[in-house]
């Protein structure tokens, strides 16, 4: 009985993998032929199955970009970067997509040191930082052992200092890994996917319109009330926008 169940499970997994592979090949073929709506539907089918990846989101971004659906393109490039923030191809294509957006918002200046730290953190994926932290931890432990068994005072001092430095960088690498993993799970940012979205002073259709946002504009989601999101854009302005006008990254 157990053997039969195991065989059925293997067949089911194989059939699922084959179906996803066929769906992927179908999407790629449609993209190559310029059938972007068909390609997007095939890629979306894979996403709905739960098999998400940076490559899937990147290809969806490219498909929507080719179809001139800039809001969706920005959305999926941003989703790809959440999973793989160090991907240069995604970064470059996201910049190209943003050039086609209508809203040019001046961001509130960020502290230079904070920007520098964020750039370093994003240079490697979450898994990459985890591997770095493990390797540095092993090196730090080895240096500590050398410190304990060395007899010359100068060498002992050097090994001790190096081990402390390694322990410190290990901790930083581990924190970077945790931060990137947390960013990949959070849902505090969104992108306008409709041609335009009216930002209101209150979460109701009759509220005063403060400003208009166009497709492709990214924002921070602060809270939600019913079918409305309270959002903040890069220049610090806040307001309420219909949830249907945006999609969470």
Protein backbone atom coordinates (compact mmCIF):
# COMPACT_ATOMS: atom_id res chain seq x y z
CA UNK A 1 0.00 0.00 0.00
CA UNK A 2 2.80 2.42 0.98
CA UNK A 3 4.68 1.55 -2.19
CA UNK A 4 1.58 2.29 -4.29
CA UNK A 5 1.05 5.65 -2.58
CA UNK A 6 4.71 6.52 -3.09
CA UNK A 7 4.48 5.63 -6.78
CA UNK A 8 1.36 7.75 -7.19
CA UNK A 9 3.09 10.67 -5.45
CA UNK A 10 6.11 10.41 -7.75
CA UNK A 11 3.85 10.27 -10.81
CA UNK A 12 1.88 13.28 -9.58
CA UNK A 13 5.03 15.33 -8.98
CA UNK A 14 6.42 14.30 -12.37
CA UNK A 15 3.18 15.24 -14.11
CA UNK A 16 3.15 18.61 -12.31
CA UNK A 17 6.78 19.31 -13.27
CA UNK A 18 6.06 18.30 -16.88
CA UNK A 19 2.97 20.55 -17.00
CA UNK A 20 4.95 23.49 -15.63
CA UNK A 21 7.78 22.84 -18.10
CA UNK A 22 5.28 22.67 -20.95
CA UNK A 23 3.65 25.90 -19.74
CA UNK A 24 7.06 27.57 -19.57
CA UNK A 25 8.00 26.43 -23.09
CA UNK A 26 4.62 27.62 -24.34
CA UNK A 27 5.16 31.04 -22.75
CA UNK A 28 8.67 31.38 -24.19
CA UNK A 29 7.44 30.36 -27.65
CA UNK A 30 4.59 32.89 -27.51
CA UNK A 31 7.00 35.62 -26.36
CA UNK A 32 9.39 34.83 -29.24
CA UNK A 33 6.50 35.14 -31.70
CA UNK A 34 5.42 38.50 -30.27
CA UNK A 35 2.22 37.08 -28.75
CA UNK A 36 2.72 38.91 -25.48
CA UNK A 37 -0.78 38.49 -24.05
CA UNK A 38 -0.58 34.75 -24.64
CA UNK A 39 2.91 34.62 -23.10
CA UNK A 40 1.77 36.61 -20.05
CA UNK A 41 -1.18 34.26 -19.48
CA UNK A 42 1.13 31.24 -19.63
CA UNK A 43 3.62 32.77 -17.19
CA UNK A 44 0.75 33.82 -14.88
CA UNK A 45 -0.51 30.24 -14.90
CA UNK A 46 2.86 29.14 -13.52
CA UNK A 47 2.74 31.88 -10.89
CA UNK A 48 -0.74 30.76 -9.78
CA UNK A 49 0.60 27.23 -9.31
CA UNK A 50 2.91 28.61 -6.61
CA UNK A 51 6.17 27.98 -8.49
CA UNK A 52 7.47 31.56 -8.25
CA UNK A 53 11.07 32.55 -8.91
CA UNK A 54 13.10 35.63 -9.90
CA UNK A 55 13.31 34.22 -13.44
CA UNK A 56 9.53 33.91 -13.70
CA UNK A 57 8.92 37.46 -12.47
CA UNK A 58 11.70 38.79 -14.71
CA UNK A 59 10.14 37.17 -17.77
CA UNK A 60 6.72 38.48 -16.82
CA UNK A 61 8.23 41.96 -16.49
CA UNK A 62 9.79 41.66 -19.95
CA UNK A 63 6.52 40.40 -21.42
CA UNK A 64 4.50 43.29 -20.01
CA UNK A 65 7.18 45.76 -21.06
CA UNK A 66 6.97 44.50 -24.64
CA UNK A 67 3.18 44.77 -24.45
CA UNK A 68 3.61 48.38 -23.26
CA UNK A 69 1.89 47.63 -19.96
CA UNK A 70 4.38 49.60 -17.91
CA UNK A 71 2.57 49.32 -14.58
CA UNK A 72 2.62 45.55 -14.70
CA UNK A 73 6.21 45.55 -15.98
CA UNK A 74 7.41 47.64 -13.02
CA UNK A 75 5.37 45.44 -10.65
CA UNK A 76 7.01 42.20 -11.78
CA UNK A 77 10.52 43.65 -12.00
CA UNK A 78 10.07 44.81 -8.40
CA UNK A 79 8.88 41.35 -7.40
CA UNK A 80 11.92 39.81 -9.06
CA UNK A 81 14.20 42.16 -7.13
CA UNK A 82 12.54 41.20 -3.84
CA UNK A 83 13.69 37.63 -4.44
CA UNK A 84 17.04 38.49 -6.02
CA UNK A 85 18.09 42.09 -5.20
CA UNK A 86 21.55 41.65 -6.77
CA UNK A 87 20.23 40.76 -10.27
CA UNK A 88 21.71 43.38 -12.61
CA UNK A 89 19.47 42.45 -15.56
CA UNK A 90 16.36 43.08 -13.49
CA UNK A 91 17.79 46.33 -12.14
CA UNK A 92 18.59 47.59 -15.65
CA UNK A 93 15.20 46.64 -17.09
CA UNK A 94 13.41 48.20 -14.13
CA UNK A 95 15.23 51.47 -14.84
CA UNK A 96 14.15 51.29 -18.49
CA UNK A 97 10.54 50.70 -17.44
CA UNK A 98 10.63 53.61 -15.00
CA UNK A 99 11.76 55.92 -17.80
CA UNK A 100 8.39 55.27 -19.43
CA UNK A 101 6.35 56.22 -16.35
CA UNK A 102 4.69 59.64 -16.30
CA UNK A 103 5.19 60.50 -12.62
CA UNK A 104 8.64 61.93 -11.91
CA UNK A 105 8.75 62.20 -8.14
CA UNK A 106 11.72 63.67 -6.29
CA UNK A 107 12.50 61.33 -3.42
CA UNK A 108 13.23 62.67 0.05
CA UNK A 109 17.05 62.63 0.41
CA UNK A 110 18.34 59.64 2.36
CA UNK A 111 21.29 59.64 4.74
CA UNK A 112 24.38 58.79 2.67
CA UNK A 113 25.62 56.11 5.08
CA UNK A 114 22.22 54.39 5.05
CA UNK A 115 22.21 54.35 1.24
CA UNK A 116 25.72 52.91 1.23
CA UNK A 117 24.72 50.13 3.65
CA UNK A 118 21.63 49.29 1.59
CA UNK A 119 23.72 49.07 -1.59
CA UNK A 120 26.16 46.67 0.06
CA UNK A 121 23.29 44.58 1.45
CA UNK A 122 21.65 44.34 -1.97
CA UNK A 123 24.86 43.29 -3.71
CA UNK A 124 24.27 39.65 -2.67
CA UNK A 125 21.10 37.61 -2.22
CA UNK A 126 19.76 36.51 1.16
CA UNK A 127 21.09 32.98 0.63
CA UNK A 128 24.42 34.42 -0.46
CA UNK A 129 24.79 36.40 2.77
CA UNK A 130 23.85 33.29 4.75
CA UNK A 131 26.66 31.35 3.08
CA UNK A 132 29.11 34.22 3.69
CA UNK A 133 28.17 34.33 7.38
CA UNK A 134 28.74 30.57 7.75
CA UNK A 135 32.14 30.72 6.04
CA UNK A 136 33.20 33.69 8.16
CA UNK A 137 32.02 31.94 11.32
CA UNK A 138 34.17 28.93 10.46
CA UNK A 139 37.14 31.23 9.80
CA UNK A 140 36.56 33.10 13.07
CA UNK A 141 36.50 29.83 15.04
CA UNK A 142 39.68 28.66 13.34
CA UNK A 143 41.43 31.94 14.20
CA UNK A 144 40.24 31.64 17.79
CA UNK A 145 41.74 28.15 18.00
CA UNK A 146 45.02 29.44 16.60
CA UNK A 147 44.94 32.18 19.21
CA UNK A 148 44.43 29.68 22.01
CA UNK A 149 47.24 27.35 20.89
CA UNK A 150 49.81 29.90 19.75
CA UNK A 151 52.73 30.59 22.07
CA UNK A 152 54.13 33.84 20.71
CA UNK A 153 52.33 36.84 22.19
CA UNK A 154 52.37 38.95 19.01
CA UNK A 155 50.90 36.13 16.92
CA UNK A 156 48.29 35.45 19.59
CA UNK A 157 47.31 39.11 19.59
CA UNK A 158 47.00 39.14 15.79
CA UNK A 159 44.86 35.98 15.74
CA UNK A 160 42.64 37.40 18.47
CA UNK A 161 42.04 40.68 16.63
CA UNK A 162 41.35 38.87 13.34
CA UNK A 163 38.90 36.50 15.02
CA UNK A 164 37.00 39.41 16.59
CA UNK A 165 36.81 41.14 13.18
CA UNK A 166 35.52 37.93 11.60
CA UNK A 167 32.91 37.48 14.32
CA UNK A 168 31.74 41.05 13.75
CA UNK A 169 31.46 40.66 9.96
CA UNK A 170 29.71 37.31 10.51
CA UNK A 171 27.06 39.05 12.61
CA UNK A 172 26.62 41.79 9.98
CA UNK A 173 26.33 39.21 7.17
CA UNK A 174 23.74 37.27 9.15
CA UNK A 175 21.72 40.44 9.78
CA UNK A 176 21.87 41.29 6.05
CA UNK A 177 20.57 37.81 5.25
CA UNK A 178 17.70 38.18 7.72
CA UNK A 179 16.82 41.66 6.44
CA UNK A 180 16.68 40.53 2.79
CA UNK A 181 14.61 37.47 3.71
CA UNK A 182 12.22 39.72 5.63
CA UNK A 183 11.97 42.12 2.69
CA UNK A 184 11.08 39.22 0.40
CA UNK A 185 8.14 38.31 2.67
CA UNK A 186 6.82 41.78 3.45
CA UNK A 187 3.97 43.39 1.53
CA UNK A 188 4.39 47.05 2.41
CA UNK A 189 4.94 48.41 -1.12
CA UNK A 190 2.69 48.59 -4.16
CA UNK A 191 2.67 49.78 -7.78
CA UNK A 192 -0.09 51.55 -9.70
CA UNK A 193 -1.24 49.12 -12.42
CA UNK A 194 -4.19 51.10 -13.80
CA UNK A 195 -3.63 53.97 -16.24
CA UNK A 196 -4.15 56.37 -13.33
CA UNK A 197 -5.23 56.34 -9.71
CA UNK A 198 -6.76 59.20 -7.78
CA UNK A 199 -5.31 59.72 -4.31
CA UNK A 200 -7.95 60.94 -1.86
CA UNK A 201 -7.80 62.73 1.46
CA UNK A 202 -9.95 60.01 3.07
CA UNK A 203 -10.80 56.35 2.34
CA UNK A 204 -13.99 57.04 0.43
CA UNK A 205 -14.92 57.81 -3.16
CA UNK A 206 -16.42 61.16 -2.16
CA UNK A 207 -13.20 62.32 -0.54
CA UNK A 208 -11.22 65.23 -1.96
CA UNK A 209 -8.71 64.26 -4.64
CA UNK A 210 -5.23 65.34 -3.50
CA UNK A 211 -3.20 64.24 -6.52
CA UNK A 212 -3.16 61.74 -9.37
CA UNK A 213 -0.73 58.85 -9.84
CA UNK A 214 -0.10 57.07 -13.13
CA UNK A 215 0.74 53.45 -13.86
CA UNK A 216 4.16 52.26 -12.81
CA UNK A 217 4.51 54.55 -9.79
CA UNK A 218 5.74 52.78 -6.67
CA UNK A 219 4.51 53.65 -3.19
CA UNK A 220 4.68 52.50 0.42
CA UNK A 221 1.49 51.03 1.88
CA UNK A 222 0.94 52.29 5.42
CA UNK A 223 -2.42 50.71 6.24
CA UNK A 224 -5.64 49.57 4.63
CA UNK A 225 -9.30 50.24 5.38
CA UNK A 226 -11.77 48.15 3.42
CA UNK A 227 -11.02 48.64 -0.28
CA UNK A 228 -8.62 51.52 0.33
CA UNK A 229 -4.88 51.75 1.00
CA UNK A 230 -3.25 54.60 2.85
CA UNK A 231 -0.07 55.22 0.88
CA UNK A 232 3.04 57.38 0.91
CA UNK A 233 5.03 58.25 -2.21
CA UNK A 234 8.75 58.97 -2.38
CA UNK A 235 8.45 62.72 -1.77
CA UNK A 236 6.59 62.11 1.49
CA UNK A 237 3.04 62.93 0.36
CA UNK A 238 0.33 60.67 1.76
CA UNK A 239 -3.26 59.83 0.89
CA UNK A 240 -5.76 57.06 0.17
CA UNK A 241 -6.01 55.12 -3.07
CA UNK A 242 -8.39 52.37 -4.18
CA UNK A 243 -6.90 48.90 -3.73
CA UNK A 244 -8.07 48.00 -7.21
CA UNK A 245 -5.81 50.62 -8.77
CA UNK A 246 -2.63 49.11 -7.37
CA UNK A 247 -1.03 45.73 -6.76
CA UNK A 248 1.14 44.76 -3.80
CA UNK A 249 4.72 43.92 -4.75
